[in-house]
Amino acid sequence: MRCEECGDKLDRFVDRELTNTEALEIQLHLEGCPDCMEHYEFEQDLKRLVKSSCECDTAPKIFRDKLREILS
């Protein structure tokens, strides 16, 4: 696998959206390619950061009330 191919699939690999075969190919490439491994680690850290940043936010009560009204 070339680095370009790995890069094209890396987001889906991080999100666990690849087939088992594709995931294995990416994993094997990452084990032998420090540059792609660095990119992968960055993507994982970014995903973790976004997730932790979004978990604590809640929409304002007035917005939630209005949304419930519209959806009813």
PDB file of N, CA and C in Angstrom:
ATOM      1  N   MET A   1       0.846  -1.179   0.000  1.00  0.00           N
ATOM      2  CA  MET A   1       0.000   0.000   0.000  1.00  0.00           C
ATOM      3  C   MET A   1       0.886   1.234   0.000  1.00  0.00           C
ATOM      4  N   ARG A   2       0.484   2.211  -0.809  1.00  0.00           N
ATOM      5  CA  ARG A   2       1.215   3.474  -0.864  1.00  0.00           C
ATOM      6  C   ARG A   2       0.659   4.428   0.195  1.00  0.00           C
ATOM      7  N   CYS A   3       1.479   5.396   0.572  1.00  0.00           N
ATOM      8  CA  CYS A   3       1.072   6.377   1.575  1.00  0.00           C
ATOM      9  C   CYS A   3      -0.180   7.141   1.132  1.00  0.00           C
ATOM     10  N   GLU A   4      -0.275   7.431  -0.145  1.00  0.00           N
ATOM     11  CA  GLU A   4      -1.439   8.154  -0.654  1.00  0.00           C
ATOM     12  C   GLU A   4      -2.718   7.362  -0.428  1.00  0.00           C
ATOM     13  N   GLU A   5      -2.669   6.065  -0.689  1.00  0.00           N
ATOM     14  CA  GLU A   5      -3.835   5.209  -0.464  1.00  0.00           C
ATOM     15  C   GLU A   5      -4.190   5.165   1.017  1.00  0.00           C
ATOM     16  N   CYS A   6      -3.181   5.068   1.842  1.00  0.00           N
ATOM     17  CA  CYS A   6      -3.396   5.042   3.285  1.00  0.00           C
ATOM     18  C   CYS A   6      -4.051   6.343   3.738  1.00  0.00           C
ATOM     19  N   GLY A   7      -3.528   7.456   3.265  1.00  0.00           N
ATOM     20  CA  GLY A   7      -4.082   8.755   3.629  1.00  0.00           C
ATOM     21  C   GLY A   7      -5.531   8.910   3.219  1.00  0.00           C
ATOM     22  N   ASP A   8      -5.877   8.355   2.055  1.00  0.00           N
ATOM     23  CA  ASP A   8      -7.251   8.442   1.568  1.00  0.00           C
ATOM     24  C   ASP A   8      -8.230   7.671   2.458  1.00  0.00           C
ATOM     25  N   LYS A   9      -7.749   6.637   3.109  1.00  0.00           N
ATOM     26  CA  LYS A   9      -8.626   5.785   3.922  1.00  0.00           C
ATOM     27  C   LYS A   9      -8.473   6.020   5.417  1.00  0.00           C
ATOM     28  N   LEU A  10      -7.567   6.886   5.803  1.00  0.00           N
ATOM     29  CA  LEU A  10      -7.243   7.035   7.218  1.00  0.00           C
ATOM     30  C   LEU A  10      -8.428   7.507   8.058  1.00  0.00           C
ATOM     31  N   ASP A  11      -9.203   8.449   7.571  1.00  0.00           N
ATOM     32  CA  ASP A  11     -10.368   8.919   8.334  1.00  0.00           C
ATOM     33  C   ASP A  11     -11.336   7.780   8.605  1.00  0.00           C
ATOM     34  N   ARG A  12     -11.593   6.986   7.587  1.00  0.00           N
ATOM     35  CA  ARG A  12     -12.515   5.856   7.767  1.00  0.00           C
ATOM     36  C   ARG A  12     -11.915   4.789   8.668  1.00  0.00           C
ATOM     37  N   PHE A  13     -10.579   4.666   8.663  1.00  0.00           N
ATOM     38  CA  PHE A  13      -9.917   3.721   9.561  1.00  0.00           C
ATOM     39  C   PHE A  13     -10.089   4.171  11.010  1.00  0.00           C
ATOM     40  N   VAL A  14      -9.866   5.453  11.257  1.00  0.00           N
ATOM     41  CA  VAL A  14     -10.024   6.007  12.604  1.00  0.00           C
ATOM     42  C   VAL A  14     -11.458   5.825  13.091  1.00  0.00           C
ATOM     43  N   ASP A  15     -12.422   5.985  12.191  1.00  0.00           N
ATOM     44  CA  ASP A  15     -13.832   5.840  12.546  1.00  0.00           C
ATOM     45  C   ASP A  15     -14.321   4.403  12.492  1.00  0.00           C
ATOM     46  N   ARG A  16     -13.428   3.466  12.187  1.00  0.00           N
ATOM     47  CA  ARG A  16     -13.740   2.033  12.115  1.00  0.00           C
ATOM     48  C   ARG A  16     -14.843   1.737  11.102  1.00  0.00           C
ATOM     49  N   GLU A  17     -14.700   2.353   9.938  1.00  0.00           N
ATOM     50  CA  GLU A  17     -15.686   2.183   8.873  1.00  0.00           C
ATOM     51  C   GLU A  17     -15.171   1.335   7.712  1.00  0.00           C
ATOM     52  N   LEU A  18     -13.999   0.747   7.845  1.00  0.00           N
ATOM     53  CA  LEU A  18     -13.419  -0.067   6.782  1.00  0.00           C
ATOM     54  C   LEU A  18     -13.766  -1.537   6.975  1.00  0.00           C
ATOM     55  N   THR A  19     -13.675  -2.283   5.907  1.00  0.00           N
ATOM     56  CA  THR A  19     -13.824  -3.732   6.031  1.00  0.00           C
ATOM     57  C   THR A  19     -12.628  -4.275   6.810  1.00  0.00           C
ATOM     58  N   ASN A  20     -12.728  -5.486   7.283  1.00  0.00           N
ATOM     59  CA  ASN A  20     -11.611  -6.091   8.022  1.00  0.00           C
ATOM     60  C   ASN A  20     -10.354  -6.149   7.174  1.00  0.00           C
ATOM     61  N   THR A  21     -10.516  -6.480   5.902  1.00  0.00           N
ATOM     62  CA  THR A  21      -9.368  -6.570   4.998  1.00  0.00           C
ATOM     63  C   THR A  21      -8.705  -5.205   4.820  1.00  0.00           C
ATOM     64  N   GLU A  22      -9.514  -4.172   4.586  1.00  0.00           N
ATOM     65  CA  GLU A  22      -8.965  -2.824   4.413  1.00  0.00           C
ATOM     66  C   GLU A  22      -8.277  -2.354   5.693  1.00  0.00           C
ATOM     67  N   ALA A  23      -8.899  -2.621   6.828  1.00  0.00           N
ATOM     68  CA  ALA A  23      -8.315  -2.206   8.103  1.00  0.00           C
ATOM     69  C   ALA A  23      -6.968  -2.897   8.338  1.00  0.00           C
ATOM     70  N   LEU A  24      -6.882  -4.166   7.993  1.00  0.00           N
ATOM     71  CA  LEU A  24      -5.626  -4.902   8.141  1.00  0.00           C
ATOM     72  C   LEU A  24      -4.550  -4.318   7.236  1.00  0.00           C
ATOM     73  N   GLU A  25      -4.905  -3.979   6.015  1.00  0.00           N
ATOM     74  CA  GLU A  25      -3.941  -3.375   5.092  1.00  0.00           C
ATOM     75  C   GLU A  25      -3.415  -2.052   5.652  1.00  0.00           C
ATOM     76  N   ILE A  26      -4.313  -1.233   6.180  1.00  0.00           N
ATOM     77  CA  ILE A  26      -3.907   0.045   6.771  1.00  0.00           C
ATOM     78  C   ILE A  26      -3.002  -0.202   7.975  1.00  0.00           C
ATOM     79  N   GLN A  27      -3.407  -1.109   8.846  1.00  0.00           N
ATOM     80  CA  GLN A  27      -2.618  -1.406  10.050  1.00  0.00           C
ATOM     81  C   GLN A  27      -1.206  -1.855   9.683  1.00  0.00           C
ATOM     82  N   LEU A  28      -1.100  -2.722   8.708  1.00  0.00           N
ATOM     83  CA  LEU A  28       0.222  -3.194   8.281  1.00  0.00           C
ATOM     84  C   LEU A  28       1.050  -2.046   7.708  1.00  0.00           C
ATOM     85  N   HIS A  29       0.423  -1.171   6.955  1.00  0.00           N
ATOM     86  CA  HIS A  29       1.143  -0.027   6.407  1.00  0.00           C
ATOM     87  C   HIS A  29       1.606   0.896   7.536  1.00  0.00           C
ATOM     88  N   LEU A  30       0.721   1.157   8.493  1.00  0.00           N
ATOM     89  CA  LEU A  30       1.071   2.047   9.601  1.00  0.00           C
ATOM     90  C   LEU A  30       2.259   1.518  10.404  1.00  0.00           C
ATOM     91  N   GLU A  31       2.306   0.206  10.584  1.00  0.00           N
ATOM     92  CA  GLU A  31       3.399  -0.401  11.350  1.00  0.00           C
ATOM     93  C   GLU A  31       4.751  -0.190  10.679  1.00  0.00           C
ATOM     94  N   GLY A  32       4.750  -0.012   9.355  1.00  0.00           N
ATOM     95  CA  GLY A  32       6.010   0.148   8.644  1.00  0.00           C
ATOM     96  C   GLY A  32       6.275   1.556   8.136  1.00  0.00           C
ATOM     97  N   CYS A  33       5.401   2.495   8.431  1.00  0.00           N
ATOM     98  CA  CYS A  33       5.546   3.843   7.887  1.00  0.00           C
ATOM     99  C   CYS A  33       5.383   4.890   8.992  1.00  0.00           C
ATOM    100  N   PRO A  34       6.487   5.405   9.502  1.00  0.00           N
ATOM    101  CA  PRO A  34       6.407   6.386  10.597  1.00  0.00           C
ATOM    102  C   PRO A  34       5.624   7.655  10.233  1.00  0.00           C
ATOM    103  N   ASP A  35       5.707   8.098   8.983  1.00  0.00           N
ATOM    104  CA  ASP A  35       4.984   9.312   8.583  1.00  0.00           C
ATOM    105  C   ASP A  35       3.468   9.104   8.645  1.00  0.00           C
ATOM    106  N   CYS A  36       3.013   7.986   8.111  1.00  0.00           N
ATOM    107  CA  CYS A  36       1.578   7.699   8.146  1.00  0.00           C
ATOM    108  C   CYS A  36       1.116   7.425   9.583  1.00  0.00           C
ATOM    109  N   MET A  37       1.957   6.787  10.379  1.00  0.00           N
ATOM    110  CA  MET A  37       1.618   6.533  11.776  1.00  0.00           C
ATOM    111  C   MET A  37       1.450   7.858  12.526  1.00  0.00           C
ATOM    112  N   GLU A  38       2.300   8.816  12.231  1.00  0.00           N
ATOM    113  CA  GLU A  38       2.196  10.134  12.862  1.00  0.00           C
ATOM    114  C   GLU A  38       0.874  10.806  12.466  1.00  0.00           C
ATOM    115  N   HIS A  39       0.515  10.689  11.194  1.00  0.00           N
ATOM    116  CA  HIS A  39      -0.751  11.247  10.713  1.00  0.00           C
ATOM    117  C   HIS A  39      -1.931  10.555  11.393  1.00  0.00           C
ATOM    118  N   TYR A  40      -1.854   9.250  11.522  1.00  0.00           N
ATOM    119  CA  TYR A  40      -2.906   8.478  12.186  1.00  0.00           C
ATOM    120  C   TYR A  40      -3.058   8.914  13.643  1.00  0.00           C
ATOM    121  N   GLU A  41      -1.947   9.046  14.352  1.00  0.00           N
ATOM    122  CA  GLU A  41      -1.991   9.458  15.761  1.00  0.00           C
ATOM    123  C   GLU A  41      -2.591  10.853  15.892  1.00  0.00           C
ATOM    124  N   PHE A  42      -2.258  11.743  14.960  1.00  0.00           N
ATOM    125  CA  PHE A  42      -2.838  13.080  14.963  1.00  0.00           C
ATOM    126  C   PHE A  42      -4.352  13.003  14.790  1.00  0.00           C
ATOM    127  N   GLU A  43      -4.797  12.188  13.824  1.00  0.00           N
ATOM    128  CA  GLU A  43      -6.231  12.044  13.571  1.00  0.00           C
ATOM    129  C   GLU A  43      -6.958  11.485  14.791  1.00  0.00           C
ATOM    130  N   GLN A  44      -6.362  10.521  15.455  1.00  0.00           N
ATOM    131  CA  GLN A  44      -6.971   9.946  16.656  1.00  0.00           C
ATOM    132  C   GLN A  44      -7.050  10.983  17.764  1.00  0.00           C
ATOM    133  N   ASP A  45      -5.969  11.731  17.966  1.00  0.00           N
ATOM    134  CA  ASP A  45      -5.960  12.769  18.998  1.00  0.00           C
ATOM    135  C   ASP A  45      -7.006  13.840  18.699  1.00  0.00           C
ATOM    136  N   LEU A  46      -7.123  14.219  17.441  1.00  0.00           N
ATOM    137  CA  LEU A  46      -8.104  15.225  17.038  1.00  0.00           C
ATOM    138  C   LEU A  46      -9.527  14.720  17.304  1.00  0.00           C
ATOM    139  N   LYS A  47      -9.793  13.492  16.958  1.00  0.00           N
ATOM    140  CA  LYS A  47     -11.121  12.918  17.192  1.00  0.00           C
ATOM    141  C   LYS A  47     -11.434  12.904  18.686  1.00  0.00           C
ATOM    142  N   ARG A  48     -10.459  12.503  19.493  1.00  0.00           N
ATOM    143  CA  ARG A  48     -10.640  12.472  20.945  1.00  0.00           C
ATOM    144  C   ARG A  48     -10.921  13.877  21.494  1.00  0.00           C
ATOM    145  N   LEU A  49     -10.188  14.862  20.987  1.00  0.00           N
ATOM    146  CA  LEU A  49     -10.354  16.243  21.431  1.00  0.00           C
ATOM    147  C   LEU A  49     -11.738  16.775  21.063  1.00  0.00           C
ATOM    148  N   VAL A  50     -12.162  16.534  19.851  1.00  0.00           N
ATOM    149  CA  VAL A  50     -13.484  16.994  19.423  1.00  0.00           C
ATOM    150  C   VAL A  50     -14.565  16.330  20.270  1.00  0.00           C
ATOM    151  N   LYS A  51     -14.431  15.046  20.496  1.00  0.00           N
ATOM    152  CA  LYS A  51     -15.424  14.323  21.291  1.00  0.00           C
ATOM    153  C   LYS A  51     -15.502  14.872  22.706  1.00  0.00           C
ATOM    154  N   SER A  52     -14.364  15.071  23.336  1.00  0.00           N
ATOM    155  CA  SER A  52     -14.378  15.568  24.719  1.00  0.00           C
ATOM    156  C   SER A  52     -14.855  17.013  24.788  1.00  0.00           C
ATOM    157  N   SER A  53     -14.591  17.799  23.768  1.00  0.00           N
ATOM    158  CA  SER A  53     -15.038  19.191  23.748  1.00  0.00           C
ATOM    159  C   SER A  53     -16.546  19.296  23.549  1.00  0.00           C
ATOM    160  N   CYS A  54     -17.120  18.377  22.842  1.00  0.00           N
ATOM    161  CA  CYS A  54     -18.547  18.445  22.530  1.00  0.00           C
ATOM    162  C   CYS A  54     -19.425  17.804  23.602  1.00  0.00           C
ATOM    163  N   GLU A  55     -18.857  16.972  24.433  1.00  0.00           N
ATOM    164  CA  GLU A  55     -19.653  16.271  25.432  1.00  0.00           C
ATOM    165  C   GLU A  55     -20.207  17.188  26.509  1.00  0.00           C
ATOM    166  N   CYS A  56     -19.537  18.276  26.790  1.00  0.00           N
ATOM    167  CA  CYS A  56     -19.947  19.119  27.904  1.00  0.00           C
ATOM    168  C   CYS A  56     -20.915  20.227  27.486  1.00  0.00           C
ATOM    169  N   ASP A  57     -21.084  20.460  26.210  1.00  0.00           N
ATOM    170  CA  ASP A  57     -21.956  21.531  25.749  1.00  0.00           C
ATOM    171  C   ASP A  57     -23.397  21.068  25.664  1.00  0.00           C
ATOM    172  N   THR A  58     -24.294  21.944  26.080  1.00  0.00           N
ATOM    173  CA  THR A  58     -25.715  21.699  25.883  1.00  0.00           C
ATOM    174  C   THR A  58     -26.307  22.955  25.249  1.00  0.00           C
ATOM    175  N   ALA A  59     -27.298  22.745  24.455  1.00  0.00           N
ATOM    176  CA  ALA A  59     -27.962  23.879  23.816  1.00  0.00           C
ATOM    177  C   ALA A  59     -28.705  24.683  24.877  1.00  0.00           C
ATOM    178  N   PRO A  60     -28.825  25.988  24.665  1.00  0.00           N
ATOM    179  CA  PRO A  60     -29.588  26.811  25.609  1.00  0.00           C
ATOM    180  C   PRO A  60     -31.030  26.317  25.729  1.00  0.00           C
ATOM    181  N   LYS A  61     -31.619  26.477  26.910  1.00  0.00           N
ATOM    182  CA  LYS A  61     -32.964  25.986  27.172  1.00  0.00           C
ATOM    183  C   LYS A  61     -33.976  26.555  26.178  1.00  0.00           C
ATOM    184  N   ILE A  62     -33.886  27.811  25.871  1.00  0.00           N
ATOM    185  CA  ILE A  62     -34.846  28.429  24.948  1.00  0.00           C
ATOM    186  C   ILE A  62     -34.783  27.768  23.560  1.00  0.00           C
ATOM    187  N   PHE A  63     -33.582  27.416  23.141  1.00  0.00           N
ATOM    188  CA  PHE A  63     -33.416  26.728  21.858  1.00  0.00           C
ATOM    189  C   PHE A  63     -34.028  25.333  21.914  1.00  0.00           C
ATOM    190  N   ARG A  64     -33.761  24.599  22.981  1.00  0.00           N
ATOM    191  CA  ARG A  64     -34.320  23.253  23.116  1.00  0.00           C
ATOM    192  C   ARG A  64     -35.840  23.278  23.162  1.00  0.00           C
ATOM    193  N   ASP A  65     -36.385  24.263  23.896  1.00  0.00           N
ATOM    194  CA  ASP A  65     -37.839  24.392  23.971  1.00  0.00           C
ATOM    195  C   ASP A  65     -38.446  24.694  22.592  1.00  0.00           C
ATOM    196  N   LYS A  66     -37.822  25.600  21.861  1.00  0.00           N
ATOM    197  CA  LYS A  66     -38.313  25.956  20.539  1.00  0.00           C
ATOM    198  C   LYS A  66     -38.233  24.756  19.594  1.00  0.00           C
ATOM    199  N   LEU A  67     -37.155  24.011  19.674  1.00  0.00           N
ATOM    200  CA  LEU A  67     -36.985  22.825  18.834  1.00  0.00           C
ATOM    201  C   LEU A  67     -38.057  21.776  19.159  1.00  0.00           C
ATOM    202  N   ARG A  68     -38.331  21.565  20.433  1.00  0.00           N
ATOM    203  CA  ARG A  68     -39.380  20.614  20.821  1.00  0.00           C
ATOM    204  C   ARG A  68     -40.733  21.058  20.279  1.00  0.00           C
ATOM    205  N   GLU A  69     -40.977  22.365  20.341  1.00  0.00           N
ATOM    206  CA  GLU A  69     -42.225  22.915  19.834  1.00  0.00           C
ATOM    207  C   GLU A  69     -42.364  22.656  18.331  1.00  0.00           C
ATOM    208  N   ILE A  70     -41.310  22.876  17.605  1.00  0.00           N
ATOM    209  CA  ILE A  70     -41.330  22.672  16.148  1.00  0.00           C
ATOM    210  C   ILE A  70     -41.516  21.186  15.826  1.00  0.00           C
ATOM    211  N   LEU A  71     -40.885  20.324  16.564  1.00  0.00           N
ATOM    212  CA  LEU A  71     -40.951  18.897  16.277  1.00  0.00           C
ATOM    213  C   LEU A  71     -42.263  18.240  16.726  1.00  0.00           C
ATOM    214  N   SER A  72     -42.998  18.913  17.571  1.00  0.00           N
ATOM    215  CA  SER A  72     -44.263  18.337  18.071  1.00  0.00           C
ATOM    216  C   SER A  72     -45.354  18.349  17.055  1.00  0.00           C
TER     217      SER A  72
END
